[in-house]
C-alpha atoms as a PDB file:
ATOM      1  CA  MET A   1     119.386   9.349  57.721  1.00  0.00           C
ATOM      2  CA  GLU A   2     119.360  13.209  57.108  1.00  0.00           C
ATOM      3  CA  ASN A   3     116.805  13.274  54.461  1.00  0.00           C
ATOM      4  CA  GLY A   4     114.369  11.758  56.731  1.00  0.00           C
ATOM      5  CA  ASN A   5     113.550   8.897  55.558  1.00  0.00           C
ATOM      6  CA  GLY A   6     114.480   6.314  58.902  1.00  0.00           C
ATOM      7  CA  ASN A   7     117.232   4.475  56.551  1.00  0.00           C
ATOM      8  CA  VAL A   8     120.997   3.754  58.091  1.00  0.00           C
ATOM      9  CA  ILE A   9     122.403   1.327  56.010  1.00  0.00           C
ATOM     10  CA  GLU A  10     121.004   1.487  52.049  1.00  0.00           C
ATOM     11  CA  VAL A  11     122.296  -0.952  49.369  1.00  0.00           C
ATOM     12  CA  VAL A  12     122.227   0.224  45.707  1.00  0.00           C
ATOM     13  CA  HIS A  13     122.374  -1.805  42.916  1.00  0.00           C
ATOM     14  CA  LEU A  14     125.483  -3.734  44.336  1.00  0.00           C
ATOM     15  CA  ARG A  15     126.903  -6.228  42.181  1.00  0.00           C
ATOM     16  CA  LYS A  16     129.812  -9.124  43.715  1.00  0.00           C
ATOM     17  CA  SER A  17     131.208 -11.926  41.781  1.00  0.00           C
ATOM     18  CA  PHE A  18     133.933 -14.141  42.442  1.00  0.00           C
ATOM     19  CA  GLY A  19     135.654 -14.652  39.105  1.00  0.00           C
ATOM     20  CA  ASN A  20     132.804 -16.298  36.084  1.00  0.00           C
ATOM     21  CA  ASN A  21     130.317 -16.435  39.320  1.00  0.00           C
ATOM     22  CA  PRO A  22     128.109 -13.721  39.561  1.00  0.00           C
ATOM     23  CA  VAL A  23     127.439 -13.695  43.418  1.00  0.00           C
ATOM     24  CA  LEU A  24     125.318 -10.793  43.857  1.00  0.00           C
ATOM     25  CA  LYS A  25     123.495  -9.336  40.994  1.00  0.00           C
ATOM     26  CA  ASP A  26     122.115  -5.937  41.305  1.00  0.00           C
ATOM     27  CA  ILE A  27     120.950  -5.840  44.786  1.00  0.00           C
ATOM     28  CA  ASP A  28     118.868  -2.643  46.380  1.00  0.00           C
ATOM     29  CA  PHE A  29     117.098  -3.382  50.420  1.00  0.00           C
ATOM     30  CA  ALA A  30     118.071  -0.463  53.046  1.00  0.00           C
ATOM     31  CA  ALA A  31     117.845  -1.452  56.808  1.00  0.00           C
ATOM     32  CA  ARG A  32     115.959   1.107  58.834  1.00  0.00           C
ATOM     33  CA  LYS A  33     116.775   2.974  62.330  1.00  0.00           C
ATOM     34  CA  GLY A  34     116.001   0.733  65.221  1.00  0.00           C
ATOM     35  CA  GLU A  35     114.949  -2.124  62.704  1.00  0.00           C
ATOM     36  CA  VAL A  36     116.145  -5.932  62.452  1.00  0.00           C
ATOM     37  CA  THR A  37     116.009  -7.256  59.310  1.00  0.00           C
ATOM     38  CA  CYS A  38     116.715 -11.052  58.899  1.00  0.00           C
ATOM     39  CA  ILE A  39     118.352 -12.630  55.835  1.00  0.00           C
ATOM     40  CA  ILE A  40     117.169 -15.738  54.953  1.00  0.00           C
ATOM     41  CA  GLY A  41     117.720 -17.773  52.241  1.00  0.00           C
ATOM     42  CA  SER A  42     119.631 -21.495  51.160  1.00  0.00           C
ATOM     43  CA  SER A  43     123.838 -21.863  51.313  1.00  0.00           C
ATOM     44  CA  GLY A  44     125.297 -20.057  48.438  1.00  0.00           C
ATOM     45  CA  SER A  45     122.513 -17.680  47.353  1.00  0.00           C
ATOM     46  CA  GLY A  46     124.420 -14.547  48.692  1.00  0.00           C
ATOM     47  CA  LYS A  47     123.876 -13.450  51.930  1.00  0.00           C
ATOM     48  CA  SER A  48     126.917 -14.059  53.786  1.00  0.00           C
ATOM     49  CA  THR A  49     128.788 -12.029  50.467  1.00  0.00           C
ATOM     50  CA  LEU A  50     126.117  -9.466  50.963  1.00  0.00           C
ATOM     51  CA  LEU A  51     126.850  -8.617  54.707  1.00  0.00           C
ATOM     52  CA  ARG A  52     130.682  -8.912  54.128  1.00  0.00           C
ATOM     53  CA  CYS A  53     130.030  -6.078  51.383  1.00  0.00           C
ATOM     54  CA  ILE A  54     128.190  -4.014  53.573  1.00  0.00           C
ATOM     55  CA  ASN A  55     131.097  -4.144  55.842  1.00  0.00           C
ATOM     56  CA  LEU A  56     133.762  -3.585  53.068  1.00  0.00           C
ATOM     57  CA  LEU A  57     135.358  -6.686  54.030  1.00  0.00           C
ATOM     58  CA  GLU A  58     134.424  -7.825  50.014  1.00  0.00           C
ATOM     59  CA  LEU A  59     134.762  -4.846  47.429  1.00  0.00           C
ATOM     60  CA  PRO A  60     131.806  -4.286  45.041  1.00  0.00           C
ATOM     61  CA  ASP A  61     132.156  -4.772  41.961  1.00  0.00           C
ATOM     62  CA  ALA A  62     129.415  -2.238  41.025  1.00  0.00           C
ATOM     63  CA  GLY A  63     126.871  -0.230  43.645  1.00  0.00           C
ATOM     64  CA  GLU A  64     126.837   2.202  46.626  1.00  0.00           C
ATOM     65  CA  ILE A  65     126.572   0.660  50.003  1.00  0.00           C
ATOM     66  CA  ARG A  66     125.104   4.010  51.485  1.00  0.00           C
ATOM     67  CA  PHE A  67     125.160   4.999  55.097  1.00  0.00           C
ATOM     68  CA  HIS A  68     123.066   7.507  56.290  1.00  0.00           C
ATOM     69  CA  GLY A  69     123.033   8.197  52.979  1.00  0.00           C
ATOM     70  CA  LYS A  70     126.810   8.517  52.135  1.00  0.00           C
ATOM     71  CA  ASP A  71     128.505   6.610  50.213  1.00  0.00           C
ATOM     72  CA  ILE A  72     131.084   4.613  51.939  1.00  0.00           C
ATOM     73  CA  GLN A  73     133.258   3.991  48.825  1.00  0.00           C
ATOM     74  CA  SER A  74     133.934   7.562  48.181  1.00  0.00           C
ATOM     75  CA  GLY A  75     136.378   8.072  51.305  1.00  0.00           C
ATOM     76  CA  ALA A  76     133.384  10.464  53.041  1.00  0.00           C
ATOM     77  CA  MET A  77     134.286   8.432  55.724  1.00  0.00           C
ATOM     78  CA  SER A  78     137.514   6.758  57.259  1.00  0.00           C
ATOM     79  CA  LEU A  79     137.453   2.822  56.856  1.00  0.00           C
ATOM     80  CA  ALA A  80     138.185   3.135  61.291  1.00  0.00           C
ATOM     81  CA  GLU A  81     135.173   5.364  61.754  1.00  0.00           C
ATOM     82  CA  TYR A  82     132.872   3.385  59.717  1.00  0.00           C
ATOM     83  CA  ASN A  83     134.073  -0.110  61.282  1.00  0.00           C
ATOM     84  CA  ALA A  84     133.804   1.273  64.203  1.00  0.00           C
ATOM     85  CA  ARG A  85     129.586   2.413  63.629  1.00  0.00           C
ATOM     86  CA  VAL A  86     129.390  -1.174  62.390  1.00  0.00           C
ATOM     87  CA  GLY A  87     129.986  -3.669  63.934  1.00  0.00           C
ATOM     88  CA  MET A  88     130.260  -7.588  62.901  1.00  0.00           C
ATOM     89  CA  ILE A  89     129.546 -10.382  64.377  1.00  0.00           C
ATOM     90  CA  PHE A  90     131.129 -13.743  62.914  1.00  0.00           C
ATOM     91  CA  GLN A  91     130.389 -17.667  62.664  1.00  0.00           C
ATOM     92  CA  GLN A  92     133.677 -17.960  64.110  1.00  0.00           C
ATOM     93  CA  PHE A  93     133.664 -15.447  66.758  1.00  0.00           C
ATOM     94  CA  ASN A  94     137.216 -14.490  65.776  1.00  0.00           C
ATOM     95  CA  LEU A  95     138.119 -13.749  68.934  1.00  0.00           C
ATOM     96  CA  PHE A  96     142.193 -12.935  69.919  1.00  0.00           C
ATOM     97  CA  TYR A  97     142.667 -16.027  71.506  1.00  0.00           C
ATOM     98  CA  ASN A  98     145.784 -15.047  73.622  1.00  0.00           C
ATOM     99  CA  MET A  99     143.736 -12.416  75.254  1.00  0.00           C
ATOM    100  CA  THR A 100     141.288 -12.584  77.929  1.00  0.00           C
ATOM    101  CA  ALA A 101     136.855 -12.065  77.437  1.00  0.00           C
ATOM    102  CA  LEU A 102     138.128  -8.515  79.266  1.00  0.00           C
ATOM    103  CA  LYS A 103     141.296  -7.707  76.817  1.00  0.00           C
ATOM    104  CA  ASN A 104     139.134  -8.345  73.539  1.00  0.00           C
ATOM    105  CA  CYS A 105     136.258  -5.778  74.652  1.00  0.00           C
ATOM    106  CA  MET A 106     139.183  -3.454  75.332  1.00  0.00           C
ATOM    107  CA  VAL A 107     141.944  -3.766  72.329  1.00  0.00           C
ATOM    108  CA  GLY A 108     139.149  -1.767  69.730  1.00  0.00           C
ATOM    109  CA  GLN A 109     138.245   0.686  72.220  1.00  0.00           C
ATOM    110  CA  MET A 110     142.169   1.653  73.175  1.00  0.00           C
ATOM    111  CA  LYS A 111     143.209   1.381  69.434  1.00  0.00           C
ATOM    112  CA  VAL A 112     140.163   2.583  67.209  1.00  0.00           C
ATOM    113  CA  LEU A 113     138.247   4.802  69.250  1.00  0.00           C
ATOM    114  CA  GLY A 114     141.563   6.341  71.431  1.00  0.00           C
ATOM    115  CA  ARG A 115     139.473   5.778  74.748  1.00  0.00           C
ATOM    116  CA  LYS A 116     142.064   5.266  78.078  1.00  0.00           C
ATOM    117  CA  PRO A 117     142.376   1.752  79.716  1.00  0.00           C
ATOM    118  CA  ALA A 118     140.237   2.603  82.439  1.00  0.00           C
ATOM    119  CA  GLU A 119     137.572   3.831  80.301  1.00  0.00           C
ATOM    120  CA  ALA A 120     137.650   1.442  77.823  1.00  0.00           C
ATOM    121  CA  GLU A 121     137.891  -1.257  81.255  1.00  0.00           C
ATOM    122  CA  GLU A 122     133.916   0.010  82.027  1.00  0.00           C
ATOM    123  CA  ASN A 123     132.368  -0.391  79.022  1.00  0.00           C
ATOM    124  CA  ALA A 124     133.495  -3.678  77.764  1.00  0.00           C
ATOM    125  CA  MET A 125     132.839  -4.654  82.005  1.00  0.00           C
ATOM    126  CA  LYS A 126     129.246  -3.287  81.311  1.00  0.00           C
ATOM    127  CA  TYR A 127     128.725  -5.056  77.974  1.00  0.00           C
ATOM    128  CA  LEU A 128     129.960  -8.115  79.723  1.00  0.00           C
ATOM    129  CA  LYS A 129     127.755  -7.807  82.206  1.00  0.00           C
ATOM    130  CA  LYS A 130     124.800  -7.322  79.631  1.00  0.00           C
ATOM    131  CA  VAL A 131     125.553 -10.695  77.852  1.00  0.00           C
ATOM    132  CA  GLY A 132     125.888 -12.230  81.012  1.00  0.00           C
ATOM    133  CA  MET A 133     129.751 -12.598  80.623  1.00  0.00           C
ATOM    134  CA  GLU A 134     130.679 -10.753  83.582  1.00  0.00           C
ATOM    135  CA  ARG A 135     132.123 -13.810  85.514  1.00  0.00           C
ATOM    136  CA  TYR A 136     134.194 -14.907  82.751  1.00  0.00           C
ATOM    137  CA  THR A 137     136.060 -11.462  82.503  1.00  0.00           C
ATOM    138  CA  GLY A 138     139.961 -13.173  82.753  1.00  0.00           C
ATOM    139  CA  ALA A 139     139.405 -16.084  80.473  1.00  0.00           C
ATOM    140  CA  LYS A 140     140.824 -16.861  77.070  1.00  0.00           C
ATOM    141  CA  PRO A 141     138.711 -17.696  74.188  1.00  0.00           C
ATOM    142  CA  ARG A 142     139.757 -21.875  74.688  1.00  0.00           C
ATOM    143  CA  GLN A 143     138.409 -21.920  78.503  1.00  0.00           C
ATOM    144  CA  LEU A 144     135.151 -20.693  76.676  1.00  0.00           C
ATOM    145  CA  SER A 145     132.166 -23.222  75.318  1.00  0.00           C
ATOM    146  CA  GLY A 146     131.194 -21.947  71.852  1.00  0.00           C
ATOM    147  CA  GLY A 147     128.553 -19.720  73.043  1.00  0.00           C
ATOM    148  CA  GLN A 148     129.975 -18.083  75.550  1.00  0.00           C
ATOM    149  CA  LYS A 149     132.910 -17.162  72.789  1.00  0.00           C
ATOM    150  CA  GLN A 150     129.935 -15.391  70.859  1.00  0.00           C
ATOM    151  CA  ARG A 151     128.960 -13.544  73.265  1.00  0.00           C
ATOM    152  CA  VAL A 152     132.204 -12.757  74.501  1.00  0.00           C
ATOM    153  CA  ALA A 153     132.784 -11.418  70.780  1.00  0.00           C
ATOM    154  CA  ILE A 154     128.728  -9.783  70.645  1.00  0.00           C
ATOM    155  CA  ALA A 155     130.256  -7.857  73.690  1.00  0.00           C
ATOM    156  CA  ARG A 156     133.662  -6.868  72.130  1.00  0.00           C
ATOM    157  CA  ALA A 157     131.414  -5.340  69.136  1.00  0.00           C
ATOM    158  CA  LEU A 158     128.664  -3.805  71.759  1.00  0.00           C
ATOM    159  CA  SER A 159     131.926  -1.734  72.874  1.00  0.00           C
ATOM    160  CA  MET A 160     132.736   0.210  70.009  1.00  0.00           C
ATOM    161  CA  ASP A 161     129.140   1.802  70.953  1.00  0.00           C
ATOM    162  CA  PRO A 162     127.769   0.544  67.269  1.00  0.00           C
ATOM    163  CA  GLU A 163     125.056   2.182  65.498  1.00  0.00           C
ATOM    164  CA  VAL A 164     124.763  -1.341  63.489  1.00  0.00           C
ATOM    165  CA  LEU A 165     126.025  -4.803  64.428  1.00  0.00           C
ATOM    166  CA  LEU A 166     126.233  -6.829  61.475  1.00  0.00           C
ATOM    167  CA  PHE A 167     124.946 -10.949  62.291  1.00  0.00           C
ATOM    168  CA  ASP A 168     126.524 -13.783  59.919  1.00  0.00           C
ATOM    169  CA  GLU A 169     125.207 -16.802  60.891  1.00  0.00           C
ATOM    170  CA  PRO A 170     126.253 -16.030  64.698  1.00  0.00           C
ATOM    171  CA  THR A 171     124.777 -19.752  66.518  1.00  0.00           C
ATOM    172  CA  SER A 172     125.584 -21.997  62.906  1.00  0.00           C
ATOM    173  CA  ALA A 173     129.149 -23.041  65.019  1.00  0.00           C
ATOM    174  CA  LEU A 174     127.417 -24.051  67.941  1.00  0.00           C
ATOM    175  CA  ASP A 175     125.839 -26.840  69.058  1.00  0.00           C
ATOM    176  CA  PRO A 176     122.206 -27.056  69.810  1.00  0.00           C
ATOM    177  CA  GLU A 177     121.926 -26.238  73.367  1.00  0.00           C
ATOM    178  CA  MET A 178     124.140 -23.309  73.107  1.00  0.00           C
ATOM    179  CA  VAL A 179     122.273 -21.183  70.429  1.00  0.00           C
ATOM    180  CA  GLY A 180     119.133 -19.854  72.725  1.00  0.00           C
ATOM    181  CA  GLU A 181     121.667 -18.170  75.212  1.00  0.00           C
ATOM    182  CA  VAL A 182     123.023 -16.326  71.858  1.00  0.00           C
ATOM    183  CA  LEU A 183     119.644 -15.837  70.480  1.00  0.00           C
ATOM    184  CA  THR A 184     118.344 -14.651  74.248  1.00  0.00           C
ATOM    185  CA  VAL A 185     120.688 -11.675  73.894  1.00  0.00           C
ATOM    186  CA  MET A 186     120.198 -11.098  70.388  1.00  0.00           C
ATOM    187  CA  GLN A 187     116.722 -10.645  71.149  1.00  0.00           C
ATOM    188  CA  ASP A 188     117.335  -8.128  74.201  1.00  0.00           C
ATOM    189  CA  LEU A 189     119.636  -6.571  71.799  1.00  0.00           C
ATOM    190  CA  ALA A 190     116.355  -6.111  69.099  1.00  0.00           C
ATOM    191  CA  LYS A 191     114.292  -4.993  72.258  1.00  0.00           C
ATOM    192  CA  SER A 192     117.238  -2.151  73.057  1.00  0.00           C
ATOM    193  CA  GLY A 193     116.486  -0.413  69.706  1.00  0.00           C
ATOM    194  CA  LEU A 194     119.498  -1.004  67.954  1.00  0.00           C
ATOM    195  CA  THR A 195     119.728  -1.703  64.112  1.00  0.00           C
ATOM    196  CA  MET A 196     120.574  -5.099  63.492  1.00  0.00           C
ATOM    197  CA  LEU A 197     121.177  -7.356  59.698  1.00  0.00           C
ATOM    198  CA  VAL A 198     121.411 -10.954  60.766  1.00  0.00           C
ATOM    199  CA  VAL A 199     121.636 -13.044  58.234  1.00  0.00           C
ATOM    200  CA  THR A 200     120.424 -16.694  59.887  1.00  0.00           C
ATOM    201  CA  HIS A 201     118.781 -20.245  60.070  1.00  0.00           C
ATOM    202  CA  GLU A 202     116.634 -19.495  62.938  1.00  0.00           C
ATOM    203  CA  MET A 203     113.505 -18.988  61.674  1.00  0.00           C
ATOM    204  CA  GLY A 204     111.445 -18.986  65.121  1.00  0.00           C
ATOM    205  CA  PHE A 205     114.058 -15.790  65.704  1.00  0.00           C
ATOM    206  CA  ALA A 206     112.737 -14.275  62.219  1.00  0.00           C
ATOM    207  CA  ARG A 207     109.655 -14.994  62.967  1.00  0.00           C
ATOM    208  CA  THR A 208     109.353 -13.469  66.503  1.00  0.00           C
ATOM    209  CA  VAL A 209     112.279 -10.868  65.828  1.00  0.00           C
ATOM    210  CA  ALA A 210     112.268  -9.575  62.627  1.00  0.00           C
ATOM    211  CA  ASP A 211     110.767  -6.071  61.323  1.00  0.00           C
ATOM    212  CA  ASN A 212     111.469  -7.159  57.861  1.00  0.00           C
ATOM    213  CA  VAL A 213     112.746 -10.048  56.220  1.00  0.00           C
ATOM    214  CA  VAL A 214     114.868 -10.486  53.254  1.00  0.00           C
ATOM    215  CA  PHE A 215     114.914 -14.312  51.454  1.00  0.00           C
ATOM    216  CA  MET A 216     118.068 -14.662  48.985  1.00  0.00           C
ATOM    217  CA  ASP A 217     117.839 -16.849  45.921  1.00  0.00           C
ATOM    218  CA  ASN A 218     120.208 -17.082  43.651  1.00  0.00           C
ATOM    219  CA  GLY A 219     122.446 -13.767  44.324  1.00  0.00           C
ATOM    220  CA  VAL A 220     119.053 -12.037  43.783  1.00  0.00           C
ATOM    221  CA  ILE A 221     115.799 -10.743  46.471  1.00  0.00           C
ATOM    222  CA  ALA A 222     113.645 -13.006  45.543  1.00  0.00           C
ATOM    223  CA  GLU A 223     111.324 -12.072  48.332  1.00  0.00           C
ATOM    224  CA  GLU A 224     110.724  -9.037  51.267  1.00  0.00           C
ATOM    225  CA  GLY A 225     109.087  -8.216  54.190  1.00  0.00           C
ATOM    226  CA  PRO A 226     107.442  -8.142  57.520  1.00  0.00           C
ATOM    227  CA  PRO A 227     107.975 -11.655  58.233  1.00  0.00           C
ATOM    228  CA  GLN A 228     104.105 -12.416  58.729  1.00  0.00           C
ATOM    229  CA  ASP A 229     103.999 -12.372  54.610  1.00  0.00           C
ATOM    230  CA  VAL A 230     107.104 -13.580  54.190  1.00  0.00           C
ATOM    231  CA  LEU A 231     107.299 -16.459  56.922  1.00  0.00           C
ATOM    232  CA  VAL A 232     103.916 -16.984  57.023  1.00  0.00           C
ATOM    233  CA  ASN A 233     102.325 -16.985  53.685  1.00  0.00           C
ATOM    234  CA  PRO A 234     105.119 -16.866  51.242  1.00  0.00           C
ATOM    235  CA  LYS A 235     104.620 -15.607  47.123  1.00  0.00           C
ATOM    236  CA  HIS A 236     107.757 -16.684  45.597  1.00  0.00           C
ATOM    237  CA  PRO A 237     107.472 -20.770  44.713  1.00  0.00           C
ATOM    238  CA  ARG A 238     111.297 -20.574  45.659  1.00  0.00           C
ATOM    239  CA  LEU A 239     110.668 -19.340  48.805  1.00  0.00           C
ATOM    240  CA  LYS A 240     108.046 -21.813  49.680  1.00  0.00           C
ATOM    241  CA  GLU A 241     110.236 -24.732  49.371  1.00  0.00           C
ATOM    242  CA  PHE A 242     113.287 -23.369  51.169  1.00  0.00           C
ATOM    243  CA  LEU A 243     110.357 -22.614  54.122  1.00  0.00           C
ATOM    244  CA  ALA A 244     109.429 -26.285  53.780  1.00  0.00           C
ATOM    245  CA  SER A 245     113.011 -27.845  53.554  1.00  0.00           C
ATOM    246  CA  VAL A 246     114.228 -25.782  56.942  1.00  0.00           C
ATOM    247  CA  LEU A 247     110.812 -25.723  59.269  1.00  0.00           C
END
């Protein structure tokens, strides 16, 4: 970040309600460059809404989301540029079902980044290879397993050369035997120094890969810190309850 504190994304006094239901209540936190932040908590705690606000899929009611110190809602950066630099991986893959795996990874590069087809294809192939999907470039999503679809979705996001990747429960729609293949890809990305924000139920992944763990409860951040503190020595009673139920 320009002011030297290493924060790529900062969330400041963020609030979001749906009707009369406050889902995010005065959220403050930061994601540092090159770090993995895992966001945990029970269903309905506000985790996915927080991620969708950071990506501006939901517009916050109040507060700021800063990218390299700039409030992204102020118009300092176009939404297209921001979305190219901050990629998102969804639970349900969100692939284009009429396109091959390769085309899925090319289309955004050409439309948003203005890359020529040959350059887009070369970049797409690089990332499909990285996630172990180079043999399936000609396959359409309906021909792929859930784990394969999610790996293509990760390759598609990486093809945009983002600075940050947001993962919204990337393994929750997968059969148990496919979870490992996606988590392995994510572990490799974490080692490569990509800044990652991951909403997850996978406590083993959070414990081994996260630099910072954020526990959300009822729309607030109830506890935050390194996995050793949050997951091994939790302080907050609700966090202790939550961990007892998921572990």
